[in-house]
């Protein structure tokens, strides 16, 4: 994700120092040993069209809106109920990503992420047109405590993120892989779209989802320091300008 540049800093202004947690691993980060589970997929043709299934699926495989979700292993949790194992920094665990995004919980600690100014979504430097009226994001929000830690830990953010401060973030759709039937009736990959499919898209019934996506259309783009100063104020005031 990218965003508008932050307001210029005056020569006498200093960075707000909030210590990060160098040993912290975000809750959504996939760990070594959390491998993709056997998919055993099949497609059944209904009167409404084909639909993708697991041969042994249960309700956990369709956690929201009837969308089939990618299976992935879970390592044991530690005393804080956080995942264990060597972090695979560039991968998000598909189920933990979905759960935090669905609940709008922090991607680092899995606690509630709402702040007095709205929801905080971090943006990488090359992801979006900064003038776009709408932003689609697969990155769950962060809480105030972990905004700086997440900015420092996520390789995708290149340690120089900007911040989307959103008043609302409705669900939009899912990233995933579309499946179909080959000439012999076997299931195979048809497409891996590089953009999310909105809920209601005709390909959703045969898609195996791996990331939940929200839409930001009423937001302000700020710097991390600006955000932390605003949230630390005795009475937090919403920034003057919002998009959307």
Foldseek 3Di string as FASTA:
>chain_A
DAADAADDDDPPDDFDDQDADVVFDFQFFDAPPFAFDDQCKAWDADPVGIFIDHPDDDCVQQVPPRFGATHIHFADADPLRGGDHHTPQQDTFLVLLVVCQVQLAARGNRHHAAAPQAFKDKDAHPDDDNPDLKDKDLTRTHHLNHPQNVLVRRVRNVSFIKIKGANDWAWFFFFFWFWDADPVRDIDTDDRDPDGDGPVPPRRRRTHGRTTMIMGRWTDIHHSRVVNVQRPDPNRDHDPDIRD
